[in-house]
């Protein structure tokens, strides 16, 4: 996990306003810890739909690509699903930080993260 994302998590986990984001993070943690392929697929689908617009913004800002629909890809392995869950986890932390006022916009948060990654590389 990126240092800035970790800082965001440490700040939002005590804020009542971040409750919905924290519940989604717990769902992801539970899904990874008690992994079931079909359930993980359902969780990814649910969270991807719930946060679709913002996930695409984060994807474009951090990687330069939009998040693809699963229908455009072949079958995923369990490891692929865990990677997707971890990506969603980071994205939801970013969204929670913006919602709680730690950053003004998703764009400003992702730029801060990208700069930190470039600086540390």
PDB file of N, CA and C in Angstrom:
ATOM      1  N   UNK A   1       0.851  -1.173   0.000  1.00  0.00           N
ATOM      2  CA  UNK A   1       0.000   0.000   0.000  1.00  0.00           C
ATOM      3  C   UNK A   1       0.898   1.238   0.000  1.00  0.00           C
ATOM      4  N   UNK A   2       0.550   2.183  -0.808  1.00  0.00           N
ATOM      5  CA  UNK A   2       1.251   3.457  -0.907  1.00  0.00           C
ATOM      6  C   UNK A   2       1.199   4.191   0.438  1.00  0.00           C
ATOM      7  N   UNK A   3       2.267   4.898   0.777  1.00  0.00           N
ATOM      8  CA  UNK A   3       2.350   5.611   2.057  1.00  0.00           C
ATOM      9  C   UNK A   3       1.223   6.633   2.210  1.00  0.00           C
ATOM     10  N   UNK A   4       0.918   7.352   1.150  1.00  0.00           N
ATOM     11  CA  UNK A   4      -0.139   8.364   1.221  1.00  0.00           C
ATOM     12  C   UNK A   4      -1.497   7.703   1.438  1.00  0.00           C
ATOM     13  N   UNK A   5      -1.742   6.599   0.751  1.00  0.00           N
ATOM     14  CA  UNK A   5      -3.007   5.876   0.943  1.00  0.00           C
ATOM     15  C   UNK A   5      -3.096   5.360   2.375  1.00  0.00           C
ATOM     16  N   UNK A   6      -1.980   4.873   2.896  1.00  0.00           N
ATOM     17  CA  UNK A   6      -1.947   4.399   4.281  1.00  0.00           C
ATOM     18  C   UNK A   6      -2.245   5.550   5.254  1.00  0.00           C
ATOM     19  N   UNK A   7      -1.693   6.728   4.978  1.00  0.00           N
ATOM     20  CA  UNK A   7      -1.986   7.906   5.809  1.00  0.00           C
ATOM     21  C   UNK A   7      -3.469   8.256   5.755  1.00  0.00           C
ATOM     22  N   UNK A   8      -4.053   8.205   4.553  1.00  0.00           N
ATOM     23  CA  UNK A   8      -5.490   8.465   4.418  1.00  0.00           C
ATOM     24  C   UNK A   8      -6.287   7.489   5.277  1.00  0.00           C
ATOM     25  N   UNK A   9      -5.933   6.213   5.198  1.00  0.00           N
ATOM     26  CA  UNK A   9      -6.661   5.193   5.960  1.00  0.00           C
ATOM     27  C   UNK A   9      -6.566   5.467   7.456  1.00  0.00           C
ATOM     28  N   UNK A  10      -5.366   5.783   7.928  1.00  0.00           N
ATOM     29  CA  UNK A  10      -5.189   6.055   9.355  1.00  0.00           C
ATOM     30  C   UNK A  10      -6.024   7.245   9.816  1.00  0.00           C
ATOM     31  N   UNK A  11      -6.246   8.202   8.927  1.00  0.00           N
ATOM     32  CA  UNK A  11      -7.040   9.383   9.289  1.00  0.00           C
ATOM     33  C   UNK A  11      -8.541   9.116   9.210  1.00  0.00           C
ATOM     34  N   UNK A  12      -8.989   8.371   8.204  1.00  0.00           N
ATOM     35  CA  UNK A  12     -10.441   8.194   8.044  1.00  0.00           C
ATOM     36  C   UNK A  12     -11.017   7.104   8.935  1.00  0.00           C
ATOM     37  N   UNK A  13     -10.188   6.188   9.427  1.00  0.00           N
ATOM     38  CA  UNK A  13     -10.762   5.056  10.157  1.00  0.00           C
ATOM     39  C   UNK A  13     -11.385   5.444  11.493  1.00  0.00           C
ATOM     40  N   UNK A  14     -11.177   6.670  11.924  1.00  0.00           N
ATOM     41  CA  UNK A  14     -11.777   7.129  13.176  1.00  0.00           C
ATOM     42  C   UNK A  14     -12.890   8.151  12.944  1.00  0.00           C
ATOM     43  N   UNK A  15     -13.235   8.386  11.689  1.00  0.00           N
ATOM     44  CA  UNK A  15     -14.242   9.393  11.372  1.00  0.00           C
ATOM     45  C   UNK A  15     -15.594   8.747  11.082  1.00  0.00           C
ATOM     46  N   UNK A  16     -16.604   9.202  11.761  1.00  0.00           N
ATOM     47  CA  UNK A  16     -17.948   8.662  11.581  1.00  0.00           C
ATOM     48  C   UNK A  16     -18.448   8.872  10.150  1.00  0.00           C
ATOM     49  N   UNK A  17     -18.052   9.979   9.546  1.00  0.00           N
ATOM     50  CA  UNK A  17     -18.501  10.305   8.191  1.00  0.00           C
ATOM     51  C   UNK A  17     -17.992   9.281   7.164  1.00  0.00           C
ATOM     52  N   UNK A  18     -16.941   8.554   7.511  1.00  0.00           N
ATOM     53  CA  UNK A  18     -16.348   7.575   6.591  1.00  0.00           C
ATOM     54  C   UNK A  18     -16.925   6.175   6.780  1.00  0.00           C
ATOM     55  N   UNK A  19     -17.972   6.042   7.581  1.00  0.00           N
ATOM     56  CA  UNK A  19     -18.521   4.730   7.946  1.00  0.00           C
ATOM     57  C   UNK A  19     -18.816   3.832   6.744  1.00  0.00           C
ATOM     58  N   UNK A  20     -19.469   4.363   5.720  1.00  0.00           N
ATOM     59  CA  UNK A  20     -19.820   3.536   4.560  1.00  0.00           C
ATOM     60  C   UNK A  20     -18.576   3.027   3.835  1.00  0.00           C
ATOM     61  N   UNK A  21     -17.570   3.877   3.722  1.00  0.00           N
ATOM     62  CA  UNK A  21     -16.325   3.467   3.073  1.00  0.00           C
ATOM     63  C   UNK A  21     -15.619   2.397   3.906  1.00  0.00           C
ATOM     64  N   UNK A  22     -15.613   2.590   5.213  1.00  0.00           N
ATOM     65  CA  UNK A  22     -14.960   1.625   6.097  1.00  0.00           C
ATOM     66  C   UNK A  22     -15.672   0.275   6.068  1.00  0.00           C
ATOM     67  N   UNK A  23     -16.995   0.285   5.942  1.00  0.00           N
ATOM     68  CA  UNK A  23     -17.733  -0.980   5.835  1.00  0.00           C
ATOM     69  C   UNK A  23     -17.343  -1.722   4.557  1.00  0.00           C
ATOM     70  N   UNK A  24     -17.187  -0.986   3.461  1.00  0.00           N
ATOM     71  CA  UNK A  24     -16.763  -1.621   2.214  1.00  0.00           C
ATOM     72  C   UNK A  24     -15.341  -2.160   2.331  1.00  0.00           C
ATOM     73  N   UNK A  25     -14.476  -1.444   3.049  1.00  0.00           N
ATOM     74  CA  UNK A  25     -13.111  -1.936   3.261  1.00  0.00           C
ATOM     75  C   UNK A  25     -13.124  -3.231   4.073  1.00  0.00           C
ATOM     76  N   UNK A  26     -14.001  -3.304   5.069  1.00  0.00           N
ATOM     77  CA  UNK A  26     -14.114  -4.533   5.863  1.00  0.00           C
ATOM     78  C   UNK A  26     -14.616  -5.699   5.023  1.00  0.00           C
ATOM     79  N   UNK A  27     -15.540  -5.423   4.121  1.00  0.00           N
ATOM     80  CA  UNK A  27     -16.028  -6.476   3.222  1.00  0.00           C
ATOM     81  C   UNK A  27     -14.868  -7.017   2.396  1.00  0.00           C
ATOM     82  N   UNK A  28     -14.036  -6.122   1.888  1.00  0.00           N
ATOM     83  CA  UNK A  28     -12.886  -6.557   1.087  1.00  0.00           C
ATOM     84  C   UNK A  28     -11.922  -7.365   1.941  1.00  0.00           C
ATOM     85  N   UNK A  29     -11.615  -6.883   3.141  1.00  0.00           N
ATOM     86  CA  UNK A  29     -10.705  -7.616   4.029  1.00  0.00           C
ATOM     87  C   UNK A  29     -11.236  -9.017   4.318  1.00  0.00           C
ATOM     88  N   UNK A  30     -12.518  -9.111   4.653  1.00  0.00           N
ATOM     89  CA  UNK A  30     -13.123 -10.415   4.937  1.00  0.00           C
ATOM     90  C   UNK A  30     -13.098 -11.325   3.713  1.00  0.00           C
ATOM     91  N   UNK A  31     -13.330 -10.747   2.546  1.00  0.00           N
ATOM     92  CA  UNK A  31     -13.335 -11.529   1.307  1.00  0.00           C
ATOM     93  C   UNK A  31     -11.952 -12.095   1.020  1.00  0.00           C
ATOM     94  N   UNK A  32     -10.923 -11.306   1.247  1.00  0.00           N
ATOM     95  CA  UNK A  32      -9.551 -11.779   1.022  1.00  0.00           C
ATOM     96  C   UNK A  32      -9.178 -12.829   2.057  1.00  0.00           C
ATOM     97  N   UNK A  33      -9.508 -12.574   3.329  1.00  0.00           N
ATOM     98  CA  UNK A  33      -9.115 -13.490   4.405  1.00  0.00           C
ATOM     99  C   UNK A  33      -9.832 -14.835   4.340  1.00  0.00           C
ATOM    100  N   UNK A  34     -11.066 -14.838   3.880  1.00  0.00           N
ATOM    101  CA  UNK A  34     -11.844 -16.079   3.766  1.00  0.00           C
ATOM    102  C   UNK A  34     -12.226 -16.244   2.295  1.00  0.00           C
ATOM    103  N   UNK A  35     -11.216 -16.387   1.446  1.00  0.00           N
ATOM    104  CA  UNK A  35     -11.396 -16.292   0.001  1.00  0.00           C
ATOM    105  C   UNK A  35     -12.267 -17.410  -0.570  1.00  0.00           C
ATOM    106  N   UNK A  36     -13.256 -16.981  -1.328  1.00  0.00           N
ATOM    107  CA  UNK A  36     -14.097 -17.865  -2.119  1.00  0.00           C
ATOM    108  C   UNK A  36     -14.236 -17.201  -3.488  1.00  0.00           C
ATOM    109  N   UNK A  37     -13.873 -17.898  -4.540  1.00  0.00           N
ATOM    110  CA  UNK A  37     -13.812 -17.324  -5.882  1.00  0.00           C
ATOM    111  C   UNK A  37     -15.126 -16.659  -6.288  1.00  0.00           C
ATOM    112  N   UNK A  38     -16.232 -17.371  -6.121  1.00  0.00           N
ATOM    113  CA  UNK A  38     -17.530 -16.837  -6.549  1.00  0.00           C
ATOM    114  C   UNK A  38     -17.941 -15.613  -5.733  1.00  0.00           C
ATOM    115  N   UNK A  39     -17.726 -15.688  -4.423  1.00  0.00           N
ATOM    116  CA  UNK A  39     -18.083 -14.544  -3.576  1.00  0.00           C
ATOM    117  C   UNK A  39     -17.196 -13.339  -3.894  1.00  0.00           C
ATOM    118  N   UNK A  40     -15.904 -13.573  -4.114  1.00  0.00           N
ATOM    119  CA  UNK A  40     -14.989 -12.482  -4.468  1.00  0.00           C
ATOM    120  C   UNK A  40     -15.441 -11.809  -5.759  1.00  0.00           C
ATOM    121  N   UNK A  41     -15.880 -12.609  -6.713  1.00  0.00           N
ATOM    122  CA  UNK A  41     -16.378 -12.062  -7.976  1.00  0.00           C
ATOM    123  C   UNK A  41     -17.604 -11.184  -7.736  1.00  0.00           C
ATOM    124  N   UNK A  42     -18.500 -11.622  -6.860  1.00  0.00           N
ATOM    125  CA  UNK A  42     -19.695 -10.836  -6.536  1.00  0.00           C
ATOM    126  C   UNK A  42     -19.332  -9.521  -5.847  1.00  0.00           C
ATOM    127  N   UNK A  43     -18.386  -9.580  -4.925  1.00  0.00           N
ATOM    128  CA  UNK A  43     -17.960  -8.370  -4.207  1.00  0.00           C
ATOM    129  C   UNK A  43     -17.333  -7.375  -5.176  1.00  0.00           C
ATOM    130  N   UNK A  44     -16.468  -7.860  -6.050  1.00  0.00           N
ATOM    131  CA  UNK A  44     -15.830  -6.985  -7.040  1.00  0.00           C
ATOM    132  C   UNK A  44     -16.881  -6.354  -7.943  1.00  0.00           C
ATOM    133  N   UNK A  45     -17.827  -7.150  -8.381  1.00  0.00           N
ATOM    134  CA  UNK A  45     -18.893  -6.637  -9.245  1.00  0.00           C
ATOM    135  C   UNK A  45     -19.707  -5.561  -8.527  1.00  0.00           C
ATOM    136  N   UNK A  46     -20.110  -5.847  -7.314  1.00  0.00           N
ATOM    137  CA  UNK A  46     -20.908  -4.900  -6.524  1.00  0.00           C
ATOM    138  C   UNK A  46     -20.161  -3.581  -6.310  1.00  0.00           C
ATOM    139  N   UNK A  47     -18.904  -3.669  -5.847  1.00  0.00           N
ATOM    140  CA  UNK A  47     -18.144  -2.453  -5.552  1.00  0.00           C
ATOM    141  C   UNK A  47     -17.763  -1.699  -6.822  1.00  0.00           C
ATOM    142  N   UNK A  48     -17.521  -2.427  -7.898  1.00  0.00           N
ATOM    143  CA  UNK A  48     -17.193  -1.777  -9.170  1.00  0.00           C
ATOM    144  C   UNK A  48     -18.372  -0.968  -9.697  1.00  0.00           C
ATOM    145  N   UNK A  49     -19.559  -1.500  -9.526  1.00  0.00           N
ATOM    146  CA  UNK A  49     -20.759  -0.766  -9.940  1.00  0.00           C
ATOM    147  C   UNK A  49     -20.991   0.423  -9.006  1.00  0.00           C
ATOM    148  N   UNK A  50     -20.848   0.203  -7.727  1.00  0.00           N
ATOM    149  CA  UNK A  50     -21.086   1.252  -6.734  1.00  0.00           C
ATOM    150  C   UNK A  50     -20.164   2.456  -6.941  1.00  0.00           C
ATOM    151  N   UNK A  51     -18.903   2.196  -7.269  1.00  0.00           N
ATOM    152  CA  UNK A  51     -17.909   3.265  -7.381  1.00  0.00           C
ATOM    153  C   UNK A  51     -17.423   3.477  -8.819  1.00  0.00           C
ATOM    154  N   UNK A  52     -18.192   3.046  -9.787  1.00  0.00           N
ATOM    155  CA  UNK A  52     -17.747   3.002 -11.186  1.00  0.00           C
ATOM    156  C   UNK A  52     -17.117   4.296 -11.691  1.00  0.00           C
ATOM    157  N   UNK A  53     -17.827   5.391 -11.570  1.00  0.00           N
ATOM    158  CA  UNK A  53     -17.329   6.667 -12.103  1.00  0.00           C
ATOM    159  C   UNK A  53     -15.977   7.030 -11.483  1.00  0.00           C
ATOM    160  N   UNK A  54     -15.893   6.937 -10.178  1.00  0.00           N
ATOM    161  CA  UNK A  54     -14.658   7.311  -9.492  1.00  0.00           C
ATOM    162  C   UNK A  54     -13.523   6.331  -9.761  1.00  0.00           C
ATOM    163  N   UNK A  55     -13.837   5.052  -9.917  1.00  0.00           N
ATOM    164  CA  UNK A  55     -12.796   4.068 -10.237  1.00  0.00           C
ATOM    165  C   UNK A  55     -12.168   4.367 -11.592  1.00  0.00           C
ATOM    166  N   UNK A  56     -12.988   4.765 -12.548  1.00  0.00           N
ATOM    167  CA  UNK A  56     -12.452   5.116 -13.861  1.00  0.00           C
ATOM    168  C   UNK A  56     -11.560   6.350 -13.782  1.00  0.00           C
ATOM    169  N   UNK A  57     -11.955   7.330 -12.977  1.00  0.00           N
ATOM    170  CA  UNK A  57     -11.124   8.525 -12.795  1.00  0.00           C
ATOM    171  C   UNK A  57      -9.788   8.153 -12.169  1.00  0.00           C
ATOM    172  N   UNK A  58      -9.821   7.355 -11.122  1.00  0.00           N
ATOM    173  CA  UNK A  58      -8.584   6.939 -10.456  1.00  0.00           C
ATOM    174  C   UNK A  58      -7.722   6.123 -11.411  1.00  0.00           C
ATOM    175  N   UNK A  59      -8.327   5.210 -12.146  1.00  0.00           N
ATOM    176  CA  UNK A  59      -7.579   4.395 -13.105  1.00  0.00           C
ATOM    177  C   UNK A  59      -6.886   5.232 -14.156  1.00  0.00           C
ATOM    178  N   UNK A  60      -7.598   6.212 -14.703  1.00  0.00           N
ATOM    179  CA  UNK A  60      -6.992   7.095 -15.713  1.00  0.00           C
ATOM    180  C   UNK A  60      -5.851   7.907 -15.124  1.00  0.00           C
ATOM    181  N   UNK A  61      -6.029   8.399 -13.905  1.00  0.00           N
ATOM    182  CA  UNK A  61      -5.014   9.261 -13.291  1.00  0.00           C
ATOM    183  C   UNK A  61      -3.765   8.478 -12.882  1.00  0.00           C
ATOM    184  N   UNK A  62      -3.945   7.301 -12.312  1.00  0.00           N
ATOM    185  CA  UNK A  62      -2.799   6.549 -11.791  1.00  0.00           C
ATOM    186  C   UNK A  62      -2.116   5.680 -12.838  1.00  0.00           C
ATOM    187  N   UNK A  63      -2.896   5.119 -13.749  1.00  0.00           N
ATOM    188  CA  UNK A  63      -2.301   4.175 -14.700  1.00  0.00           C
ATOM    189  C   UNK A  63      -2.414   4.631 -16.138  1.00  0.00           C
ATOM    190  N   UNK A  64      -3.208   5.647 -16.388  1.00  0.00           N
ATOM    191  CA  UNK A  64      -3.402   6.123 -17.752  1.00  0.00           C
ATOM    192  C   UNK A  64      -4.415   5.328 -18.544  1.00  0.00           C
ATOM    193  N   UNK A  65      -5.087   4.368 -17.888  1.00  0.00           N
ATOM    194  CA  UNK A  65      -6.101   3.572 -18.583  1.00  0.00           C
ATOM    195  C   UNK A  65      -7.379   3.551 -17.760  1.00  0.00           C
ATOM    196  N   UNK A  66      -8.477   3.293 -18.438  1.00  0.00           N
ATOM    197  CA  UNK A  66      -9.743   3.131 -17.733  1.00  0.00           C
ATOM    198  C   UNK A  66      -9.866   1.687 -17.266  1.00  0.00           C
ATOM    199  N   UNK A  67     -10.656   1.489 -16.241  1.00  0.00           N
ATOM    200  CA  UNK A  67     -10.930   0.145 -15.759  1.00  0.00           C
ATOM    201  C   UNK A  67     -11.753  -0.570 -16.819  1.00  0.00           C
ATOM    202  N   UNK A  68     -11.336  -1.771 -17.177  1.00  0.00           N
ATOM    203  CA  UNK A  68     -12.031  -2.529 -18.218  1.00  0.00           C
ATOM    204  C   UNK A  68     -13.184  -3.320 -17.634  1.00  0.00           C
ATOM    205  N   UNK A  69     -14.153  -3.601 -18.466  1.00  0.00           N
ATOM    206  CA  UNK A  69     -15.223  -4.508 -18.071  1.00  0.00           C
ATOM    207  C   UNK A  69     -14.695  -5.931 -18.118  1.00  0.00           C
ATOM    208  N   UNK A  70     -15.127  -6.755 -17.188  1.00  0.00           N
ATOM    209  CA  UNK A  70     -14.682  -8.142 -17.147  1.00  0.00           C
ATOM    210  C   UNK A  70     -15.033  -8.874 -18.436  1.00  0.00           C
ATOM    211  N   UNK A  71     -16.113  -8.484 -19.085  1.00  0.00           N
ATOM    212  CA  UNK A  71     -16.523  -9.163 -20.312  1.00  0.00           C
ATOM    213  C   UNK A  71     -15.482  -9.001 -21.420  1.00  0.00           C
ATOM    214  N   UNK A  72     -14.607  -7.995 -21.294  1.00  0.00           N
ATOM    215  CA  UNK A  72     -13.568  -7.770 -22.293  1.00  0.00           C
ATOM    216  C   UNK A  72     -12.328  -8.624 -22.037  1.00  0.00           C
ATOM    217  N   UNK A  73     -12.298  -9.309 -20.912  1.00  0.00           N
ATOM    218  CA  UNK A  73     -11.136 -10.103 -20.524  1.00  0.00           C
ATOM    219  C   UNK A  73     -11.509 -11.580 -20.441  1.00  0.00           C
ATOM    220  N   UNK A  74     -10.492 -12.413 -20.388  1.00  0.00           N
ATOM    221  CA  UNK A  74     -10.719 -13.833 -20.182  1.00  0.00           C
ATOM    222  C   UNK A  74     -10.972 -14.118 -18.710  1.00  0.00           C
ATOM    223  N   UNK A  75     -11.116 -15.397 -18.359  1.00  0.00           N
ATOM    224  CA  UNK A  75     -11.330 -15.768 -16.957  1.00  0.00           C
ATOM    225  C   UNK A  75     -10.138 -15.352 -16.089  1.00  0.00           C
ATOM    226  N   UNK A  76     -10.429 -14.982 -14.867  1.00  0.00           N
ATOM    227  CA  UNK A  76      -9.385 -14.562 -13.934  1.00  0.00           C
ATOM    228  C   UNK A  76      -9.068 -15.690 -12.968  1.00  0.00           C
ATOM    229  N   UNK A  77      -7.834 -15.671 -12.491  1.00  0.00           N
ATOM    230  CA  UNK A  77      -7.427 -16.615 -11.453  1.00  0.00           C
ATOM    231  C   UNK A  77      -7.808 -16.037 -10.096  1.00  0.00           C
ATOM    232  N   UNK A  78      -7.693 -16.845  -9.067  1.00  0.00           N
ATOM    233  CA  UNK A  78      -7.926 -16.360  -7.713  1.00  0.00           C
ATOM    234  C   UNK A  78      -6.970 -15.237  -7.354  1.00  0.00           C
ATOM    235  N   UNK A  79      -5.707 -15.356  -7.780  1.00  0.00           N
ATOM    236  CA  UNK A  79      -4.726 -14.297  -7.516  1.00  0.00           C
ATOM    237  C   UNK A  79      -5.119 -12.994  -8.202  1.00  0.00           C
ATOM    238  N   UNK A  80      -5.660 -13.096  -9.419  1.00  0.00           N
ATOM    239  CA  UNK A  80      -6.135 -11.901 -10.124  1.00  0.00           C
ATOM    240  C   UNK A  80      -7.251 -11.216  -9.335  1.00  0.00           C
ATOM    241  N   UNK A  81      -8.153 -12.016  -8.790  1.00  0.00           N
ATOM    242  CA  UNK A  81      -9.261 -11.455  -8.018  1.00  0.00           C
ATOM    243  C   UNK A  81      -8.764 -10.777  -6.746  1.00  0.00           C
ATOM    244  N   UNK A  82      -7.780 -11.383  -6.088  1.00  0.00           N
ATOM    245  CA  UNK A  82      -7.203 -10.758  -4.893  1.00  0.00           C
ATOM    246  C   UNK A  82      -6.553  -9.427  -5.268  1.00  0.00           C
ATOM    247  N   UNK A  83      -5.834  -9.397  -6.385  1.00  0.00           N
ATOM    248  CA  UNK A  83      -5.241  -8.137  -6.855  1.00  0.00           C
ATOM    249  C   UNK A  83      -6.321  -7.088  -7.121  1.00  0.00           C
ATOM    250  N   UNK A  84      -7.424  -7.505  -7.734  1.00  0.00           N
ATOM    251  CA  UNK A  84      -8.537  -6.585  -7.985  1.00  0.00           C
ATOM    252  C   UNK A  84      -9.127  -6.062  -6.674  1.00  0.00           C
ATOM    253  N   UNK A  85      -9.267  -6.952  -5.702  1.00  0.00           N
ATOM    254  CA  UNK A  85      -9.786  -6.538  -4.395  1.00  0.00           C
ATOM    255  C   UNK A  85      -8.847  -5.540  -3.721  1.00  0.00           C
ATOM    256  N   UNK A  86      -7.546  -5.777  -3.817  1.00  0.00           N
ATOM    257  CA  UNK A  86      -6.575  -4.857  -3.224  1.00  0.00           C
ATOM    258  C   UNK A  86      -6.600  -3.502  -3.923  1.00  0.00           C
ATOM    259  N   UNK A  87      -6.777  -3.513  -5.238  1.00  0.00           N
ATOM    260  CA  UNK A  87      -6.900  -2.264  -5.993  1.00  0.00           C
ATOM    261  C   UNK A  87      -8.152  -1.504  -5.547  1.00  0.00           C
ATOM    262  N   UNK A  88      -9.269  -2.210  -5.439  1.00  0.00           N
ATOM    263  CA  UNK A  88     -10.506  -1.585  -4.964  1.00  0.00           C
ATOM    264  C   UNK A  88     -10.334  -1.028  -3.557  1.00  0.00           C
ATOM    265  N   UNK A  89      -9.621  -1.757  -2.724  1.00  0.00           N
ATOM    266  CA  UNK A  89      -9.357  -1.329  -1.347  1.00  0.00           C
ATOM    267  C   UNK A  89      -8.669   0.035  -1.345  1.00  0.00           C
ATOM    268  N   UNK A  90      -7.602   0.153  -2.131  1.00  0.00           N
ATOM    269  CA  UNK A  90      -6.881   1.423  -2.221  1.00  0.00           C
ATOM    270  C   UNK A  90      -7.774   2.529  -2.771  1.00  0.00           C
ATOM    271  N   UNK A  91      -8.538   2.221  -3.803  1.00  0.00           N
ATOM    272  CA  UNK A  91      -9.424   3.222  -4.408  1.00  0.00           C
ATOM    273  C   UNK A  91     -10.476   3.707  -3.420  1.00  0.00           C
ATOM    274  N   UNK A  92     -11.038   2.804  -2.650  1.00  0.00           N
ATOM    275  CA  UNK A  92     -12.069   3.186  -1.682  1.00  0.00           C
ATOM    276  C   UNK A  92     -11.471   4.055  -0.578  1.00  0.00           C
ATOM    277  N   UNK A  93     -10.242   3.785  -0.197  1.00  0.00           N
ATOM    278  CA  UNK A  93      -9.572   4.654   0.778  1.00  0.00           C
ATOM    279  C   UNK A  93      -9.434   6.064   0.210  1.00  0.00           C
ATOM    280  N   UNK A  94      -9.020   6.165  -1.048  1.00  0.00           N
ATOM    281  CA  UNK A  94      -8.889   7.473  -1.698  1.00  0.00           C
ATOM    282  C   UNK A  94     -10.240   8.187  -1.710  1.00  0.00           C
ATOM    283  N   UNK A  95     -11.290   7.473  -2.078  1.00  0.00           N
ATOM    284  CA  UNK A  95     -12.625   8.074  -2.132  1.00  0.00           C
ATOM    285  C   UNK A  95     -13.100   8.508  -0.748  1.00  0.00           C
ATOM    286  N   UNK A  96     -12.795   7.710   0.256  1.00  0.00           N
ATOM    287  CA  UNK A  96     -13.139   8.085   1.628  1.00  0.00           C
ATOM    288  C   UNK A  96     -12.405   9.335   2.069  1.00  0.00           C
ATOM    289  N   UNK A  97     -11.135   9.449   1.685  1.00  0.00           N
ATOM    290  CA  UNK A  97     -10.349  10.635   2.037  1.00  0.00           C
ATOM    291  C   UNK A  97     -10.940  11.889   1.401  1.00  0.00           C
ATOM    292  N   UNK A  98     -11.368  11.772   0.163  1.00  0.00           N
ATOM    293  CA  UNK A  98     -11.989  12.917  -0.517  1.00  0.00           C
ATOM    294  C   UNK A  98     -13.323  13.253   0.156  1.00  0.00           C
ATOM    295  N   UNK A  99     -14.129  12.246   0.419  1.00  0.00           N
ATOM    296  CA  UNK A  99     -15.435  12.457   1.053  1.00  0.00           C
ATOM    297  C   UNK A  99     -15.292  13.122   2.425  1.00  0.00           C
ATOM    298  N   UNK A 100     -14.239  12.780   3.149  1.00  0.00           N
ATOM    299  CA  UNK A 100     -14.030  13.321   4.496  1.00  0.00           C
ATOM    300  C   UNK A 100     -13.311  14.665   4.494  1.00  0.00           C
ATOM    301  N   UNK A 101     -12.940  15.143   3.318  1.00  0.00           N
ATOM    302  CA  UNK A 101     -12.313  16.452   3.229  1.00  0.00           C
ATOM    303  C   UNK A 101     -10.805  16.472   3.359  1.00  0.00           C
ATOM    304  N   UNK A 102     -10.168  15.301   3.347  1.00  0.00           N
ATOM    305  CA  UNK A 102      -8.705  15.273   3.407  1.00  0.00           C
ATOM    306  C   UNK A 102      -8.091  15.738   2.096  1.00  0.00           C
ATOM    307  N   UNK A 103      -8.826  15.578   1.014  1.00  0.00           N
ATOM    308  CA  UNK A 103      -8.438  16.080  -0.310  1.00  0.00           C
ATOM    309  C   UNK A 103      -9.666  16.737  -0.925  1.00  0.00           C
ATOM    310  N   UNK A 104      -9.422  17.702  -1.805  1.00  0.00           N
ATOM    311  CA  UNK A 104     -10.537  18.417  -2.432  1.00  0.00           C
ATOM    312  C   UNK A 104     -11.256  17.577  -3.481  1.00  0.00           C
ATOM    313  N   UNK A 105     -10.487  16.851  -4.288  1.00  0.00           N
ATOM    314  CA  UNK A 105     -11.068  16.064  -5.378  1.00  0.00           C
ATOM    315  C   UNK A 105     -10.330  14.744  -5.519  1.00  0.00           C
ATOM    316  N   UNK A 106     -10.960  13.813  -6.229  1.00  0.00           N
ATOM    317  CA  UNK A 106     -10.298  12.544  -6.545  1.00  0.00           C
ATOM    318  C   UNK A 106      -9.043  12.824  -7.362  1.00  0.00           C
ATOM    319  N   UNK A 107      -9.145  13.769  -8.273  1.00  0.00           N
ATOM    320  CA  UNK A 107      -8.000  14.116  -9.118  1.00  0.00           C
ATOM    321  C   UNK A 107      -6.826  14.620  -8.284  1.00  0.00           C
ATOM    322  N   UNK A 108      -7.078  15.497  -7.316  1.00  0.00           N
ATOM    323  CA  UNK A 108      -5.978  16.013  -6.493  1.00  0.00           C
ATOM    324  C   UNK A 108      -5.349  14.906  -5.649  1.00  0.00           C
ATOM    325  N   UNK A 109      -6.167  13.993  -5.151  1.00  0.00           N
ATOM    326  CA  UNK A 109      -5.638  12.877  -4.358  1.00  0.00           C
ATOM    327  C   UNK A 109      -4.772  11.959  -5.211  1.00  0.00           C
ATOM    328  N   UNK A 110      -5.244  11.635  -6.415  1.00  0.00           N
ATOM    329  CA  UNK A 110      -4.467  10.727  -7.268  1.00  0.00           C
ATOM    330  C   UNK A 110      -3.190  11.388  -7.762  1.00  0.00           C
ATOM    331  N   UNK A 111      -3.225  12.687  -8.022  1.00  0.00           N
ATOM    332  CA  UNK A 111      -1.994  13.387  -8.418  1.00  0.00           C
ATOM    333  C   UNK A 111      -0.965  13.361  -7.295  1.00  0.00           C
ATOM    334  N   UNK A 112      -1.422  13.545  -6.071  1.00  0.00           N
ATOM    335  CA  UNK A 112      -0.532  13.496  -4.911  1.00  0.00           C
ATOM    336  C   UNK A 112       0.109  12.111  -4.786  1.00  0.00           C
ATOM    337  N   UNK A 113      -0.673  11.081  -4.973  1.00  0.00           N
ATOM    338  CA  UNK A 113      -0.169   9.705  -4.891  1.00  0.00           C
ATOM    339  C   UNK A 113       0.817   9.433  -6.020  1.00  0.00           C
ATOM    340  N   UNK A 114       0.464   9.855  -7.219  1.00  0.00           N
ATOM    341  CA  UNK A 114       1.331   9.624  -8.381  1.00  0.00           C
ATOM    342  C   UNK A 114       2.667  10.334  -8.210  1.00  0.00           C
ATOM    343  N   UNK A 115       2.636  11.566  -7.732  1.00  0.00           N
ATOM    344  CA  UNK A 115       3.885  12.307  -7.498  1.00  0.00           C
ATOM    345  C   UNK A 115       4.741  11.618  -6.451  1.00  0.00           C
ATOM    346  N   UNK A 116       4.118  11.128  -5.391  1.00  0.00           N
ATOM    347  CA  UNK A 116       4.867  10.434  -4.341  1.00  0.00           C
ATOM    348  C   UNK A 116       5.515   9.167  -4.884  1.00  0.00           C
ATOM    349  N   UNK A 117       4.796   8.442  -5.751  1.00  0.00           N
ATOM    350  CA  UNK A 117       5.353   7.225  -6.348  1.00  0.00           C
ATOM    351  C   UNK A 117       6.512   7.553  -7.273  1.00  0.00           C
ATOM    352  N   UNK A 118       6.386   8.624  -8.048  1.00  0.00           N
ATOM    353  CA  UNK A 118       7.465   9.027  -8.954  1.00  0.00           C
ATOM    354  C   UNK A 118       8.686   9.482  -8.170  1.00  0.00           C
ATOM    355  N   UNK A 119       8.450  10.173  -7.067  1.00  0.00           N
ATOM    356  CA  UNK A 119       9.546  10.675  -6.244  1.00  0.00           C
ATOM    357  C   UNK A 119      10.304   9.533  -5.579  1.00  0.00           C
ATOM    358  N   UNK A 120       9.565   8.504  -5.153  1.00  0.00           N
ATOM    359  CA  UNK A 120      10.202   7.383  -4.454  1.00  0.00           C
ATOM    360  C   UNK A 120      10.866   6.389  -5.402  1.00  0.00           C
ATOM    361  N   UNK A 121      10.558   6.474  -6.696  1.00  0.00           N
ATOM    362  CA  UNK A 121      11.122   5.518  -7.665  1.00  0.00           C
ATOM    363  C   UNK A 121      12.556   5.827  -8.024  1.00  0.00           C
TER     364      UNK A 121
END
